[in-house]
Amino acid sequence: MAIALAVGVPWLMGGPSGAHAQSPPATPPGIIDILLIRETAAKPAPLSLLDIPPQDEGLAGAKLAIADNNNTGRFLNQQFRLDVLADAAPDVLVAEAQKRVAQGQRFLVLAVQPRTVLMLADALKGQDALLFNAGAPDENLREEDCRANVLHTGPSRTMLADALAQYLVWKQWRRWFLIVGPQPEDMAFAAAMRRAATRFGARIVEDRAFPVETGSRRADGGHEQIQQQIPLFTQNAAAHDVVVVADEAGQFGEYLPFRTWDARPVAGTQGLTPASWHPALEQWGATQFQNRFARSAGRTMRPQDYDVWLAVRSLGEAAARTRATDFSAIAARLRSPEFEVAGFKGQKLTFRDWNGQLREPILLGTPKLPVTVSPQPGFLHQFSELDTLGIDRPETKCRLPARAGPAAK
């Protein structure tokens, strides 16, 4: 069942919700409606109770961004409204999204699975609708399967892998022991790390697949079994400087730190991890931003919250700069070389014209603190150092009409 939720929208407050509820009226002049689409399919429980995602993950970021946009918009006769569509079935999300676009909701922020991104993009092709992928890191969405009506505010796997690789190389940890999980997303992250190793001069000295076995890890004595199994699995590895783990599914990676046969740091999807956001970042005005989010959501900000916030704020910035509320003006500004948005990362963020990916610094951190920010010193680029992270213009497989001019701000 789809769930419709409106933030600051009187005509939905207290009314029926769901895919079969009364549809919202057409958008009146001066109003910019944003639809957040959340795919709510069940996921396996994480290894740690601390990693259980909050029910409002992503939504909390959208709410804060709506408030931020309206702080400026009220001086420009602009009002931003948020509507939320949530369901576990992609077909339901697509059908309902088509109805909403027909009623005037032109801007859609997606926190959905990769396949659903493509389903929505293809269903809305040729219509006045712009989609923001804020949840799927898959490279194909930015490359061979890119769509002209999709921008990406969440980082790609390649960006995350490149950010981590730059720091490992900067630290002179060039010999990597790569441990890979069995899930498709694990293998995709491992492929991104292999590419990064080649790109930045590191070497994977050993590449092992981790045999995930289902069992009662929370049973009495479970930690004792893990304490024995992990050293045995990592024994006799080639000489290495760092263990790089590819476990996006979260099935085993948290077991590796402090349990490997050789005393080595762990990085990748666990240990030292790359992400678009860190809840303890304080630089570049982030402390005030973190505090505002905590007051609004009652918790710390997660990367998904930030990626959604950035999508909604990008719309607010484009609307403010154009002083417009119509779709064509805002969409044109977002795609123009002049567009930029502040993201509490020390520099303006822009979209790549070749695949719609947002350029942004990537934070590397442990669960408690950020450690560093990539791009790292010494990794240069002729146009933008941010383009050392991810797929660069000469490498892209995306075939979309590019904006004029290669330079990036």
Protein backbone atom coordinates (compact mmCIF):
# COMPACT_ATOMS: atom_id res chain seq x y z
CA MET A 1 0.00 0.00 0.00
CA ALA A 2 1.36 3.40 -0.93
CA ILE A 3 1.54 6.00 1.80
CA ALA A 4 1.03 9.67 1.03
CA LEU A 5 2.32 12.14 3.58
CA ALA A 6 2.39 15.89 3.23
CA VAL A 7 4.56 18.32 5.14
CA GLY A 8 2.97 21.72 5.62
CA VAL A 9 0.20 20.95 3.12
CA PRO A 10 -3.23 21.79 4.60
CA TRP A 11 -5.20 19.88 1.98
CA LEU A 12 -3.65 16.58 3.04
CA MET A 13 -3.37 17.02 6.78
CA GLY A 14 -5.68 14.57 8.52
CA GLY A 15 -7.03 13.23 5.23
CA PRO A 16 -6.88 9.72 3.82
CA SER A 17 -3.56 8.31 2.67
CA GLY A 18 -2.52 5.58 0.29
CA ALA A 19 -2.42 4.84 -3.42
CA HIS A 20 -6.21 4.92 -3.58
CA ALA A 21 -6.66 8.05 -1.46
CA GLN A 22 -8.09 11.22 -2.95
CA SER A 23 -5.46 12.71 -5.23
CA PRO A 24 -3.97 16.09 -4.38
CA PRO A 25 -5.22 19.04 -6.41
CA ALA A 26 -3.18 20.61 -9.16
CA THR A 27 -0.29 22.78 -8.03
CA PRO A 28 -1.36 26.45 -7.73
CA PRO A 29 0.86 29.31 -8.94
CA GLY A 30 3.77 30.20 -6.65
CA ILE A 31 3.93 26.68 -5.22
CA ILE A 32 6.77 24.23 -5.91
CA ASP A 33 5.71 20.70 -5.04
CA ILE A 34 8.36 18.05 -4.42
CA LEU A 35 7.49 14.35 -4.29
CA LEU A 36 9.73 12.06 -2.24
CA ILE A 37 9.38 8.43 -3.35
CA ARG A 38 10.52 5.78 -0.88
CA GLU A 39 10.74 2.07 -1.64
CA THR A 40 9.98 0.27 1.60
CA ALA A 41 10.93 -3.33 0.81
CA ALA A 42 12.12 -5.27 3.85
CA LYS A 43 15.88 -5.60 4.34
CA PRO A 44 17.88 -8.09 6.43
CA ALA A 45 18.68 -6.97 9.96
CA PRO A 46 22.15 -5.39 10.30
CA LEU A 47 24.87 -7.07 12.35
CA SER A 48 24.82 -4.27 14.92
CA LEU A 49 21.73 -2.98 16.68
CA LEU A 50 23.27 0.48 16.31
CA ASP A 51 22.89 0.25 12.53
CA ILE A 52 19.13 -0.27 12.40
CA PRO A 53 17.97 2.52 10.06
CA PRO A 54 15.42 5.00 11.43
CA GLN A 55 11.96 4.86 9.93
CA ASP A 56 12.27 8.43 8.66
CA GLU A 57 15.66 7.96 6.98
CA GLY A 58 15.77 10.30 3.99
CA LEU A 59 12.42 11.84 4.89
CA ALA A 60 14.00 13.78 7.76
CA GLY A 61 16.48 15.32 5.32
CA ALA A 62 13.69 16.33 2.98
CA LYS A 63 11.76 18.03 5.78
CA LEU A 64 14.78 20.09 6.80
CA ALA A 65 15.45 21.10 3.20
CA ILE A 66 11.84 22.18 2.72
CA ALA A 67 12.19 24.44 5.77
CA ASP A 68 15.48 25.80 4.42
CA ASN A 69 13.95 26.48 1.01
CA ASN A 70 10.95 28.25 2.50
CA ASN A 71 13.17 30.50 4.61
CA THR A 72 14.40 32.02 1.35
CA GLY A 73 11.32 31.41 -0.73
CA ARG A 74 9.02 33.54 1.41
CA PHE A 75 10.95 36.63 0.24
CA LEU A 76 10.54 35.56 -3.40
CA ASN A 77 6.84 34.60 -3.33
CA GLN A 78 7.82 30.94 -3.48
CA GLN A 79 6.44 28.18 -1.30
CA PHE A 80 7.84 24.64 -1.25
CA ARG A 81 5.67 21.69 -0.30
CA LEU A 82 6.65 18.08 0.31
CA ASP A 83 4.57 15.04 -0.54
CA VAL A 84 5.74 11.50 0.23
CA LEU A 85 4.91 8.29 -1.60
CA ALA A 86 6.03 5.03 0.01
CA ASP A 87 5.44 1.44 -1.01
CA ALA A 88 7.32 -1.86 -1.29
CA ALA A 89 6.05 -2.56 -4.82
CA PRO A 90 7.86 -0.74 -7.67
CA ASP A 91 4.84 -1.04 -9.98
CA VAL A 92 2.66 0.76 -7.45
CA LEU A 93 5.22 3.54 -7.07
CA VAL A 94 5.47 4.00 -10.84
CA ALA A 95 1.71 4.10 -11.37
CA GLU A 96 1.14 6.57 -8.55
CA ALA A 97 4.09 8.74 -9.63
CA GLN A 98 2.57 9.04 -13.10
CA LYS A 99 -0.67 10.28 -11.56
CA ARG A 100 1.15 12.82 -9.40
CA VAL A 101 3.12 14.20 -12.34
CA ALA A 102 -0.08 14.55 -14.35
CA GLN A 103 -1.46 16.62 -11.46
CA GLY A 104 1.52 18.97 -11.50
CA GLN A 105 4.15 17.44 -9.21
CA ARG A 106 7.19 17.88 -11.46
CA PHE A 107 10.14 17.25 -9.14
CA LEU A 108 10.66 13.75 -7.76
CA VAL A 109 13.33 12.73 -5.24
CA LEU A 110 13.99 9.00 -5.27
CA ALA A 111 15.08 6.80 -2.38
CA VAL A 112 14.49 3.55 -4.24
CA GLN A 113 16.28 0.52 -5.66
CA PRO A 114 18.28 0.86 -8.92
CA ARG A 115 15.73 -0.99 -11.03
CA THR A 116 12.97 1.29 -9.75
CA VAL A 117 14.97 4.39 -10.71
CA LEU A 118 14.97 3.20 -14.32
CA MET A 119 11.31 2.20 -14.21
CA LEU A 120 10.32 5.67 -13.00
CA ALA A 121 12.62 7.46 -15.43
CA ASP A 122 11.29 5.51 -18.42
CA ALA A 123 7.66 5.86 -17.36
CA LEU A 124 8.05 9.65 -17.15
CA LYS A 125 10.19 10.08 -20.27
CA GLY A 126 9.16 13.05 -22.39
CA GLN A 127 7.07 14.62 -19.62
CA ASP A 128 7.78 17.73 -17.59
CA ALA A 129 9.35 15.79 -14.74
CA LEU A 130 12.85 15.80 -13.26
CA LEU A 131 14.04 12.98 -11.02
CA PHE A 132 16.79 13.07 -8.39
CA ASN A 133 18.42 9.75 -7.53
CA ALA A 134 19.30 10.07 -3.86
CA GLY A 135 19.53 6.40 -2.96
CA ALA A 136 21.13 4.13 -5.56
CA PRO A 137 24.95 4.20 -5.96
CA ASP A 138 24.99 1.89 -9.00
CA GLU A 139 27.32 3.06 -11.75
CA ASN A 140 25.14 1.90 -14.63
CA LEU A 141 22.51 4.51 -13.68
CA ARG A 142 25.10 7.19 -14.44
CA GLU A 143 26.68 5.43 -17.41
CA GLU A 144 25.26 2.97 -19.96
CA ASP A 145 21.76 3.22 -18.44
CA CYS A 146 21.78 6.98 -17.83
CA ARG A 147 18.58 8.91 -18.43
CA ALA A 148 18.16 12.53 -19.50
CA ASN A 149 15.50 13.15 -16.85
CA VAL A 150 17.61 11.96 -13.89
CA LEU A 151 20.17 13.83 -11.77
CA HIS A 152 22.14 12.09 -9.02
CA THR A 153 22.76 13.68 -5.62
CA GLY A 154 23.93 10.46 -3.98
CA PRO A 155 27.55 9.51 -4.76
CA SER A 156 28.28 6.59 -7.05
CA ARG A 157 30.22 3.53 -5.91
CA THR A 158 33.11 4.64 -8.08
CA MET A 159 33.24 8.01 -6.30
CA LEU A 160 33.26 6.28 -2.92
CA ALA A 161 35.94 3.80 -3.98
CA ASP A 162 38.12 6.51 -5.52
CA ALA A 163 37.85 8.63 -2.37
CA LEU A 164 39.00 5.73 -0.20
CA ALA A 165 41.73 4.69 -2.62
CA GLN A 166 43.22 8.19 -2.73
CA TYR A 167 43.60 8.24 1.04
CA LEU A 168 45.09 4.74 1.21
CA VAL A 169 47.62 5.70 -1.45
CA TRP A 170 48.34 9.02 0.30
CA LYS A 171 49.07 6.98 3.45
CA GLN A 172 51.36 4.71 1.39
CA TRP A 173 49.11 1.74 2.11
CA ARG A 174 49.39 0.49 -1.44
CA ARG A 175 49.14 -3.27 -0.85
CA TRP A 176 45.52 -4.30 -0.39
CA PHE A 177 44.02 -7.55 0.86
CA LEU A 178 40.53 -7.46 -0.66
CA ILE A 179 37.75 -9.49 0.99
CA VAL A 180 34.48 -9.69 -0.95
CA GLY A 181 30.99 -10.78 0.09
CA PRO A 182 28.62 -12.88 -2.03
CA GLN A 183 25.92 -10.31 -2.79
CA PRO A 184 25.77 -8.41 -6.11
CA GLU A 185 26.29 -5.08 -4.38
CA ASP A 186 29.37 -6.48 -2.61
CA MET A 187 30.84 -7.52 -5.94
CA ALA A 188 30.03 -4.13 -7.45
CA PHE A 189 31.92 -2.32 -4.68
CA ALA A 190 34.83 -4.75 -5.08
CA ALA A 191 34.94 -3.99 -8.81
CA ALA A 192 35.04 -0.27 -8.03
CA MET A 193 37.95 -0.83 -5.62
CA ARG A 194 39.86 -2.87 -8.23
CA ARG A 195 39.39 -0.05 -10.72
CA ALA A 196 40.55 2.48 -8.13
CA ALA A 197 43.66 0.43 -7.36
CA THR A 198 44.65 0.47 -11.01
CA ARG A 199 43.81 4.15 -11.38
CA PHE A 200 45.80 5.41 -8.39
CA GLY A 201 48.74 3.02 -8.27
CA ALA A 202 47.76 0.55 -5.55
CA ARG A 203 47.96 -3.23 -5.83
CA ILE A 204 45.55 -5.92 -4.72
CA VAL A 205 47.90 -8.60 -3.44
CA GLU A 206 45.13 -11.02 -2.51
CA ASP A 207 41.46 -11.24 -3.41
CA ARG A 208 39.27 -13.56 -1.34
CA ALA A 209 35.56 -14.33 -1.29
CA PHE A 210 34.05 -14.49 2.19
CA PRO A 211 31.85 -17.58 2.71
CA VAL A 212 28.80 -16.13 4.44
CA GLU A 213 26.98 -18.77 6.48
CA THR A 214 23.59 -18.13 7.99
CA GLY A 215 23.52 -18.86 11.66
CA SER A 216 22.54 -17.58 15.06
CA ARG A 217 25.14 -14.87 15.44
CA ARG A 218 23.31 -13.45 18.45
CA ALA A 219 23.25 -16.77 20.29
CA ASP A 220 25.35 -17.31 23.40
CA GLY A 221 28.90 -18.06 22.35
CA GLY A 222 28.53 -16.43 18.94
CA HIS A 223 31.38 -14.01 19.57
CA GLU A 224 33.67 -16.91 20.47
CA GLN A 225 33.00 -18.60 17.14
CA ILE A 226 33.68 -15.35 15.27
CA GLN A 227 36.88 -14.81 17.25
CA GLN A 228 38.11 -18.16 15.96
CA GLN A 229 36.77 -18.00 12.41
CA ILE A 230 38.03 -14.58 11.30
CA PRO A 231 41.73 -15.19 12.10
CA LEU A 232 41.56 -18.54 10.31
CA PHE A 233 39.94 -16.99 7.25
CA THR A 234 42.51 -14.19 7.01
CA GLN A 235 45.53 -16.41 7.77
CA ASN A 236 48.35 -16.85 5.22
CA ALA A 237 47.41 -13.81 3.16
CA ALA A 238 50.08 -12.18 1.03
CA ALA A 239 51.92 -9.32 2.70
CA HIS A 240 49.53 -6.36 2.82
CA ASP A 241 49.19 -2.90 4.34
CA VAL A 242 45.41 -2.76 4.72
CA VAL A 243 42.38 -5.04 4.58
CA VAL A 244 39.78 -3.70 2.14
CA VAL A 245 36.32 -5.14 2.71
CA ALA A 246 33.45 -5.18 0.20
CA ASP A 247 30.33 -5.99 2.22
CA GLU A 248 27.59 -3.52 1.32
CA ALA A 249 25.03 -6.08 2.45
CA GLY A 250 26.48 -5.89 5.97
CA GLN A 251 26.75 -9.64 6.50
CA PHE A 252 30.29 -9.96 7.86
CA GLY A 253 32.39 -6.81 7.49
CA GLU A 254 31.91 -5.59 11.05
CA TYR A 255 33.57 -8.80 12.27
CA LEU A 256 36.92 -7.97 10.63
CA PRO A 257 38.38 -5.07 12.69
CA PHE A 258 40.60 -6.32 15.54
CA ARG A 259 40.08 -9.97 14.52
CA THR A 260 42.28 -10.43 11.44
CA TRP A 261 45.33 -12.71 11.59
CA ASP A 262 47.70 -9.83 10.84
CA ALA A 263 47.29 -6.58 12.73
CA ARG A 264 46.17 -4.34 9.86
CA PRO A 265 43.66 -1.51 9.48
CA VAL A 266 40.30 -2.32 7.88
CA ALA A 267 38.70 -0.02 5.32
CA GLY A 268 35.92 -0.15 2.75
CA THR A 269 32.29 -0.80 3.56
CA GLN A 270 33.30 -1.25 7.22
CA GLY A 271 36.14 0.14 9.31
CA LEU A 272 37.27 3.35 7.62
CA THR A 273 34.33 4.05 5.32
CA PRO A 274 33.62 6.59 2.54
CA ALA A 275 30.28 8.40 2.57
CA SER A 276 28.58 11.59 1.46
CA TRP A 277 28.04 12.64 5.08
CA HIS A 278 29.26 11.99 8.62
CA PRO A 279 27.17 12.78 11.71
CA ALA A 280 30.20 14.21 13.53
CA LEU A 281 31.42 16.63 10.82
CA GLU A 282 31.97 20.11 12.29
CA GLN A 283 33.94 22.00 9.61
CA TRP A 284 32.56 24.50 7.08
CA GLY A 285 29.56 25.47 9.17
CA ALA A 286 28.45 21.86 9.55
CA THR A 287 28.02 22.15 13.33
CA GLN A 288 25.09 24.53 12.94
CA PHE A 289 23.65 22.33 10.19
CA GLN A 290 23.98 19.20 12.33
CA ASN A 291 22.29 20.96 15.24
CA ARG A 292 19.37 22.10 13.11
CA PHE A 293 18.87 18.58 11.83
CA ALA A 294 19.05 17.11 15.35
CA ARG A 295 16.39 19.57 16.56
CA SER A 296 14.18 18.73 13.60
CA ALA A 297 14.59 14.94 13.51
CA GLY A 298 15.60 14.10 17.07
CA ARG A 299 18.64 12.14 15.87
CA THR A 300 21.88 12.53 13.93
CA MET A 301 22.03 12.90 10.16
CA ARG A 302 22.82 9.85 8.03
CA PRO A 303 24.14 9.86 4.44
CA GLN A 304 20.68 9.07 3.04
CA ASP A 305 19.28 12.10 4.86
CA TYR A 306 22.02 14.27 3.39
CA ASP A 307 21.56 13.01 -0.17
CA VAL A 308 17.82 13.72 -0.04
CA TRP A 309 18.41 17.10 1.64
CA LEU A 310 20.84 17.99 -1.14
CA ALA A 311 18.31 17.13 -3.84
CA VAL A 312 15.60 19.29 -2.29
CA ARG A 313 18.04 22.12 -1.57
CA SER A 314 19.25 22.01 -5.18
CA LEU A 315 15.70 22.72 -6.26
CA GLY A 316 15.47 25.55 -3.76
CA GLU A 317 18.71 27.07 -5.00
CA ALA A 318 17.65 26.85 -8.65
CA ALA A 319 14.28 28.42 -7.86
CA ALA A 320 15.87 31.23 -5.87
CA ARG A 321 18.39 32.07 -8.59
CA THR A 322 15.76 32.13 -11.33
CA ARG A 323 13.08 33.71 -9.10
CA ALA A 324 10.73 31.29 -10.83
CA THR A 325 8.38 28.49 -9.88
CA ASP A 326 7.73 26.96 -13.30
CA PHE A 327 9.29 23.64 -14.23
CA SER A 328 11.16 24.70 -17.35
CA ALA A 329 13.05 27.58 -15.70
CA ILE A 330 14.08 25.57 -12.64
CA ALA A 331 15.09 22.50 -14.66
CA ALA A 332 17.12 24.63 -17.06
CA ARG A 333 18.96 26.29 -14.18
CA LEU A 334 19.80 22.93 -12.60
CA ARG A 335 21.33 21.77 -15.87
CA SER A 336 23.16 24.99 -16.63
CA PRO A 337 26.92 25.52 -16.11
CA GLU A 338 26.07 28.37 -13.72
CA PHE A 339 24.27 26.16 -11.20
CA GLU A 340 25.93 25.53 -7.86
CA VAL A 341 24.70 24.68 -4.37
CA ALA A 342 26.30 24.90 -0.94
CA GLY A 343 26.57 21.60 0.91
CA PHE A 344 28.61 22.35 4.07
CA LYS A 345 31.71 20.82 2.49
CA GLY A 346 33.89 23.86 1.96
CA GLN A 347 33.09 24.42 -1.71
CA LYS A 348 30.17 24.80 -4.08
CA LEU A 349 28.74 21.61 -5.55
CA THR A 350 27.82 21.26 -9.22
CA PHE A 351 26.35 18.65 -11.56
CA ARG A 352 28.48 16.95 -14.21
CA ASP A 353 27.07 17.69 -17.63
CA TRP A 354 28.02 14.29 -19.05
CA ASN A 355 26.01 12.06 -16.70
CA GLY A 356 24.08 14.20 -14.21
CA GLN A 357 26.19 13.21 -11.21
CA LEU A 358 26.73 15.81 -8.48
CA ARG A 359 30.37 16.64 -7.84
CA GLU A 360 31.11 16.60 -4.13
CA PRO A 361 33.90 15.87 -1.65
CA ILE A 362 33.61 12.47 0.02
CA LEU A 363 34.11 12.06 3.76
CA LEU A 364 36.12 9.16 5.17
CA GLY A 365 35.47 8.27 8.76
CA THR A 366 35.08 5.78 11.55
CA PRO A 367 31.74 5.44 13.33
CA LYS A 368 32.68 8.16 15.83
CA LEU A 369 34.65 10.75 13.83
CA PRO A 370 35.56 11.87 10.31
CA VAL A 371 39.18 11.07 9.47
CA THR A 372 39.76 12.94 6.22
CA VAL A 373 38.07 14.35 3.13
CA SER A 374 38.79 13.37 -0.48
CA PRO A 375 40.01 14.43 -3.03
CA GLN A 376 43.36 14.11 -1.29
CA PRO A 377 46.28 16.53 -1.72
CA GLY A 378 48.30 15.86 -4.85
CA PHE A 379 45.51 14.29 -6.91
CA LEU A 380 45.14 16.90 -9.62
CA HIS A 381 42.73 17.45 -12.50
CA GLN A 382 42.80 19.91 -15.38
CA PHE A 383 39.27 21.20 -14.68
CA SER A 384 38.12 20.20 -11.17
CA GLU A 385 39.84 18.09 -8.54
CA LEU A 386 36.39 16.74 -7.67
CA ASP A 387 36.49 15.00 -11.04
CA THR A 388 39.26 12.75 -9.73
CA LEU A 389 36.38 10.99 -7.93
CA GLY A 390 34.19 8.83 -10.14
CA ILE A 391 33.81 8.53 -13.90
CA ASP A 392 35.43 11.45 -15.74
CA ARG A 393 34.27 12.92 -19.03
CA PRO A 394 36.67 10.93 -21.29
CA GLU A 395 35.63 7.65 -19.61
CA THR A 396 31.86 8.04 -19.64
CA LYS A 397 29.54 5.64 -21.43
CA CYS A 398 26.60 7.99 -20.95
CA ARG A 399 25.37 9.50 -24.19
CA LEU A 400 23.34 12.54 -23.22
CA PRO A 401 23.45 15.99 -24.81
CA ALA A 402 26.19 17.79 -22.84
CA ARG A 403 26.05 21.39 -21.76
CA ALA A 404 28.46 23.73 -23.45
CA GLY A 405 31.92 24.03 -21.97
CA PRO A 406 34.03 21.45 -20.10
CA ALA A 407 35.09 23.68 -17.23
CA ALA A 408 33.74 23.00 -13.76
CA LYS A 409 33.45 25.45 -10.92
